[in-house]
Amino acid sequence: MKYLITFSFLIISSFCLGQVTEVSSNSIDSSAQSSGQNPSKPKGTIGIIRVNTDGAKLTKSENKDSQVLASLNKGQSLEMLEIVFPDGLKSTSRYLARFNSIEGFITSYFVEPMILIGGEQTSLKQLESSEISKKEVEQLKVRDSLLQVKINQDREYFERLKVDEEEEIRRNDSIAEIVNRKAKEEGKAYFESLRKKAQEDINKRSPVYVKKYGPVNGEKVAKGLIWIGMTEQMLIDSWGRPDDINTTVTRYGSRKQYVYGLGQYVYVVDGIVDSWQN
């Protein structure tokens, strides 16, 4: 028995969504900006990003058409919490960011190309490339893990299927053996009943025909036998009345064809069985 196993590879993209708390909009700490010092990196943030245009939107979810939590102006700073790719790693990135106490999402093209991390300016594209690489590795790990699970499941399924089929074959063989044995027993019993009935008929017929034709010929007739040289009446007593009788009369005498069943012919010449044909 051959089994063909086809494995389907699964690719799953993982997206991380931040929980958003809707509150009123406030301006960022003006003292930090006026002093010319960059705000220190708050705990849990990646770095500080700045808005590059007036009217940039901070939305409730990563969907850019979702509820607007704050309208931002050029130069305002936000704490970047996470980089997300709503439509896959090849899509335009969005940033989960905090503007004062407001957490929301802002599209990357509303943000200046540099991010302040630990007092140093770093390219956002470089940061995104690094993040993409990490996520691709994570996706590969997830895919490999899922693939291994699928392989194990398929192996277990086909092993179980093989065991079930072997059990079904054994069960069918057992059933067939029982059926055959029962058929043989029933057939044996049936033919035994026929034999007994035939013997009972012989026992009933024997005294009658022994008395009529003598012990030898009487037993033959009782058993339903025919032979060349038996009389026409013996034939009738042995096999019964024929289905048809075809008679031919010549100058040498009469010839009869006794027709029994399907193609059994007995030929009687001048009252004596002369031959027969099946």
Protein backbone atom coordinates (compact mmCIF):
# COMPACT_ATOMS: atom_id res chain seq x y z
CA MET A 1 0.00 0.00 0.00
CA LYS A 2 1.39 3.35 -0.99
CA TYR A 3 0.59 6.62 0.61
CA LEU A 4 1.17 9.95 -1.04
CA ILE A 5 1.58 12.78 1.45
CA THR A 6 1.34 16.34 0.20
CA PHE A 7 2.37 19.04 2.68
CA SER A 8 0.99 22.59 2.33
CA PHE A 9 3.35 25.32 3.50
CA LEU A 10 1.74 27.95 5.71
CA ILE A 11 2.99 31.53 5.85
CA ILE A 12 1.63 33.59 8.70
CA SER A 13 2.30 37.27 9.21
CA SER A 14 2.33 38.53 12.80
CA PHE A 15 1.12 41.97 13.64
CA CYS A 16 1.48 43.71 16.96
CA LEU A 17 -1.21 46.13 17.94
CA GLY A 18 -0.87 48.57 20.82
CA GLN A 19 -3.73 49.36 23.12
CA VAL A 20 -4.89 52.92 22.70
CA THR A 21 -6.29 55.17 25.42
CA GLU A 22 -8.31 58.13 24.19
CA VAL A 23 -7.72 61.38 26.12
CA SER A 24 -7.66 65.12 25.37
CA SER A 25 -4.75 66.64 23.34
CA ASN A 26 -2.00 68.69 25.11
CA SER A 27 1.21 70.34 23.98
CA ILE A 28 4.60 68.72 24.68
CA ASP A 29 6.83 70.02 27.44
CA SER A 30 7.93 73.44 26.10
CA SER A 31 10.84 73.81 28.52
CA ALA A 32 12.64 70.82 27.02
CA GLN A 33 12.28 72.26 23.53
CA SER A 34 13.21 75.85 24.47
CA SER A 35 16.38 74.74 26.24
CA GLY A 36 17.57 73.11 23.03
CA GLN A 37 18.08 69.79 24.84
CA ASN A 38 16.51 66.59 23.47
CA PRO A 39 14.04 65.00 25.82
CA SER A 40 15.48 61.94 27.51
CA LYS A 41 14.32 58.55 26.26
CA PRO A 42 11.36 57.49 28.42
CA LYS A 43 11.24 53.95 29.71
CA GLY A 44 9.60 51.55 27.22
CA THR A 45 10.09 53.75 24.17
CA ILE A 46 12.31 53.16 21.15
CA GLY A 47 13.21 56.79 20.64
CA ILE A 48 11.95 60.30 19.87
CA ILE A 49 10.50 61.14 16.46
CA ARG A 50 9.34 64.51 15.08
CA VAL A 51 6.39 65.42 12.86
CA ASN A 52 7.42 66.78 9.43
CA THR A 53 4.17 68.53 8.41
CA ASP A 54 1.21 70.38 9.90
CA GLY A 55 -2.03 68.47 10.26
CA ALA A 56 -0.49 65.03 10.77
CA LYS A 57 -2.97 62.65 12.38
CA LEU A 58 -2.51 60.45 15.40
CA THR A 59 -5.19 57.77 14.99
CA LYS A 60 -6.76 55.27 17.33
CA SER A 61 -5.72 52.19 15.34
CA GLU A 62 -3.14 51.31 12.72
CA ASN A 63 -5.80 51.88 10.08
CA LYS A 64 -5.16 55.41 8.83
CA ASP A 65 -8.89 56.02 8.40
CA SER A 66 -9.68 55.25 12.03
CA GLN A 67 -10.66 57.80 14.69
CA VAL A 68 -8.29 60.76 15.01
CA LEU A 69 -6.99 61.20 18.55
CA ALA A 70 -4.83 64.27 17.91
CA SER A 71 -3.92 66.63 15.09
CA LEU A 72 -0.19 67.37 15.18
CA ASN A 73 1.96 70.24 13.87
CA LYS A 74 5.35 70.21 12.23
CA GLY A 75 8.22 69.89 14.71
CA GLN A 76 6.21 68.31 17.52
CA SER A 77 7.85 65.33 19.19
CA LEU A 78 6.43 61.89 19.93
CA GLU A 79 7.75 58.87 21.75
CA MET A 80 7.95 55.92 19.35
CA LEU A 81 6.78 52.73 21.04
CA GLU A 82 6.65 50.28 18.16
CA ILE A 83 6.94 49.92 14.38
CA VAL A 84 4.04 48.13 12.70
CA PHE A 85 3.33 47.04 9.12
CA PRO A 86 -0.47 46.85 8.78
CA ASP A 87 -0.46 45.28 5.30
CA GLY A 88 2.65 43.15 5.52
CA LEU A 89 6.36 43.84 5.74
CA LYS A 90 6.40 45.36 2.22
CA SER A 91 3.71 47.91 3.09
CA THR A 92 4.07 51.48 4.40
CA SER A 93 5.02 51.39 8.04
CA ARG A 94 3.09 53.04 10.87
CA TYR A 95 4.40 53.93 14.28
CA LEU A 96 2.72 53.34 17.58
CA ALA A 97 3.63 56.56 19.39
CA ARG A 98 2.82 58.53 22.53
CA PHE A 99 2.03 62.25 22.38
CA ASN A 100 2.01 63.26 26.05
CA SER A 101 -0.47 60.74 27.48
CA ILE A 102 -2.11 59.95 24.13
CA GLU A 103 -1.10 56.71 22.47
CA GLY A 104 -1.97 56.24 18.82
CA PHE A 105 -0.64 55.53 15.36
CA ILE A 106 1.03 57.85 12.89
CA THR A 107 2.03 57.08 9.29
CA SER A 108 5.77 57.08 8.57
CA TYR A 109 5.53 59.70 5.82
CA PHE A 110 4.30 62.26 8.41
CA VAL A 111 7.55 61.81 10.35
CA GLU A 112 11.07 63.16 9.80
CA PRO A 113 13.55 60.50 8.54
CA MET A 114 15.66 60.47 11.72
CA ILE A 115 14.92 59.17 15.21
CA LEU A 116 16.67 60.21 18.42
CA ILE A 117 17.82 57.12 20.35
CA GLY A 118 19.94 57.58 23.47
CA GLY A 119 21.05 61.02 22.38
CA GLU A 120 22.11 59.89 18.90
CA GLN A 121 20.30 60.42 15.60
CA THR A 122 19.56 57.22 13.71
CA SER A 123 17.93 56.68 10.31
CA LEU A 124 14.37 55.47 10.58
CA LYS A 125 14.83 53.44 7.38
CA GLN A 126 17.77 51.65 8.99
CA LEU A 127 15.69 51.03 12.10
CA GLU A 128 12.80 49.73 10.01
CA SER A 129 15.12 47.43 8.05
CA SER A 130 16.38 45.99 11.31
CA GLU A 131 12.81 45.57 12.57
CA ILE A 132 11.77 43.90 9.30
CA SER A 133 14.66 41.46 9.59
CA LYS A 134 13.62 40.57 13.15
CA LYS A 135 9.99 40.06 12.10
CA GLU A 136 11.04 37.95 9.10
CA VAL A 137 13.08 35.73 11.41
CA GLU A 138 10.09 35.48 13.75
CA GLN A 139 7.83 34.61 10.83
CA LEU A 140 10.27 31.93 9.64
CA LYS A 141 10.36 30.45 13.12
CA VAL A 142 6.56 30.47 13.29
CA ARG A 143 6.29 28.97 9.80
CA ASP A 144 8.87 26.27 10.55
CA SER A 145 7.13 25.47 13.81
CA LEU A 146 3.73 25.25 12.12
CA LEU A 147 5.19 23.19 9.29
CA GLN A 148 6.71 20.73 11.75
CA VAL A 149 3.37 20.48 13.54
CA LYS A 150 1.67 19.81 10.18
CA ILE A 151 4.23 17.17 9.28
CA ASN A 152 3.75 15.44 12.63
CA GLN A 153 -0.03 15.62 12.30
CA ASP A 154 0.08 14.17 8.78
CA ARG A 155 2.46 11.41 9.88
CA GLU A 156 0.21 10.49 12.80
CA TYR A 157 -2.86 10.62 10.54
CA PHE A 158 -1.41 8.26 7.92
CA GLU A 159 0.01 5.92 10.53
CA ARG A 160 -3.41 5.80 12.17
CA LEU A 161 -5.04 5.33 8.76
CA LYS A 162 -2.70 2.45 7.99
CA VAL A 163 -3.48 0.80 11.33
CA ASP A 164 -7.23 1.30 10.75
CA GLU A 165 -6.99 -0.19 7.25
CA GLU A 166 -5.03 -3.19 8.51
CA GLU A 167 -7.59 -3.68 11.25
CA GLU A 168 -10.40 -3.38 8.67
CA ILE A 169 -8.70 -6.02 6.49
CA ARG A 170 -8.36 -8.36 9.47
CA ARG A 171 -11.97 -7.73 10.42
CA ASN A 172 -13.17 -8.33 6.85
CA ASP A 173 -11.09 -11.49 6.60
CA SER A 174 -12.60 -12.67 9.85
CA ILE A 175 -16.13 -11.85 8.63
CA ALA A 176 -15.48 -13.59 5.30
CA GLU A 177 -14.18 -16.65 7.12
CA ILE A 178 -17.27 -16.74 9.33
CA VAL A 179 -19.58 -16.30 6.33
CA ASN A 180 -17.80 -19.04 4.36
CA ARG A 181 -17.85 -21.40 7.31
CA LYS A 182 -21.53 -20.71 7.91
CA ALA A 183 -22.30 -21.19 4.20
CA LYS A 184 -20.46 -24.50 4.21
CA GLU A 185 -22.30 -25.59 7.33
CA GLU A 186 -25.66 -24.53 5.89
CA GLY A 187 -24.86 -26.17 2.54
CA LYS A 188 -23.80 -29.34 4.26
CA ALA A 189 -26.95 -29.31 6.35
CA TYR A 190 -29.10 -28.64 3.24
CA PHE A 191 -27.60 -31.46 1.22
CA GLU A 192 -27.76 -33.72 4.22
CA SER A 193 -31.49 -32.97 4.49
CA LEU A 194 -31.90 -33.79 0.77
CA ARG A 195 -29.99 -37.03 1.23
CA LYS A 196 -32.16 -37.98 4.17
CA LYS A 197 -35.33 -37.17 2.25
CA ALA A 198 -34.15 -39.18 -0.75
CA GLN A 199 -33.28 -42.09 1.51
CA GLU A 200 -36.71 -41.87 3.15
CA ASP A 201 -38.32 -41.95 -0.31
CA ILE A 202 -36.21 -44.98 -1.25
CA ASN A 203 -37.17 -46.72 1.98
CA LYS A 204 -40.84 -46.09 1.20
CA ARG A 205 -40.55 -47.15 -2.45
CA SER A 206 -38.26 -50.14 -1.99
CA PRO A 207 -40.76 -52.67 -0.56
CA VAL A 208 -43.27 -51.83 -3.27
CA TYR A 209 -40.88 -52.27 -6.21
CA VAL A 210 -38.98 -55.21 -4.71
CA LYS A 211 -42.27 -56.99 -4.51
CA LYS A 212 -43.15 -55.91 -8.08
CA TYR A 213 -39.80 -56.47 -9.84
CA GLY A 214 -37.70 -58.58 -7.50
CA PRO A 215 -34.86 -57.55 -5.11
CA VAL A 216 -32.31 -56.44 -7.74
CA ASN A 217 -34.46 -54.54 -10.23
CA GLY A 218 -36.84 -53.43 -7.50
CA GLU A 219 -33.97 -51.69 -5.57
CA LYS A 220 -32.76 -49.98 -8.78
CA VAL A 221 -36.21 -48.63 -9.52
CA ALA A 222 -36.67 -47.50 -5.92
CA LYS A 223 -33.38 -45.54 -6.16
CA GLY A 224 -34.48 -43.81 -9.39
CA LEU A 225 -31.97 -45.56 -11.66
CA ILE A 226 -32.42 -46.46 -15.33
CA TRP A 227 -30.55 -49.05 -17.43
CA ILE A 228 -30.63 -50.61 -20.85
CA GLY A 229 -32.97 -53.59 -20.91
CA MET A 230 -35.39 -52.29 -18.29
CA THR A 231 -39.03 -52.31 -19.23
CA GLU A 232 -41.04 -49.25 -20.18
CA GLN A 233 -43.04 -49.58 -16.96
CA MET A 234 -39.86 -49.76 -14.88
CA LEU A 235 -38.75 -46.50 -16.53
CA ILE A 236 -42.02 -44.81 -15.61
CA ASP A 237 -41.86 -46.16 -12.03
CA SER A 238 -38.23 -44.99 -11.68
CA TRP A 239 -38.37 -41.52 -13.31
CA GLY A 240 -42.08 -40.86 -13.42
CA ARG A 241 -44.23 -39.79 -16.35
CA PRO A 242 -42.22 -37.93 -19.06
CA ASP A 243 -42.95 -34.37 -20.17
CA ASP A 244 -43.56 -35.65 -23.67
CA ILE A 245 -43.52 -38.88 -25.69
CA ASN A 246 -42.58 -38.92 -29.38
CA THR A 247 -43.60 -42.23 -31.05
CA THR A 248 -42.25 -43.61 -34.35
CA VAL A 249 -43.87 -46.77 -35.88
CA THR A 250 -42.11 -48.75 -38.62
CA ARG A 251 -42.55 -52.21 -40.17
CA TYR A 252 -39.91 -53.39 -37.75
CA GLY A 253 -41.84 -52.21 -34.69
CA SER A 254 -42.50 -49.07 -32.61
CA ARG A 255 -39.91 -46.64 -31.21
CA LYS A 256 -40.68 -44.08 -28.46
CA GLN A 257 -38.71 -41.06 -27.33
CA TYR A 258 -39.40 -40.16 -23.70
CA VAL A 259 -38.60 -36.48 -23.03
CA TYR A 260 -37.64 -35.56 -19.43
CA GLY A 261 -36.79 -32.06 -18.13
CA LEU A 262 -34.26 -30.03 -20.13
CA GLY A 263 -32.88 -32.26 -22.87
CA GLN A 264 -32.98 -35.72 -21.26
CA TYR A 265 -34.18 -38.32 -23.75
CA VAL A 266 -34.82 -42.04 -23.17
CA TYR A 267 -35.46 -44.28 -26.19
CA VAL A 268 -37.80 -47.29 -25.80
CA VAL A 269 -38.02 -49.93 -28.56
CA ASP A 270 -40.88 -52.42 -28.39
CA GLY A 271 -41.39 -51.71 -24.64
CA ILE A 272 -37.68 -52.05 -23.66
CA VAL A 273 -35.24 -49.20 -22.88
CA ASP A 274 -32.75 -49.25 -25.74
CA SER A 275 -30.67 -46.06 -25.03
CA TRP A 276 -30.75 -42.59 -23.53
CA GLN A 277 -29.29 -39.18 -24.18
CA ASN A 278 -28.59 -36.14 -21.97
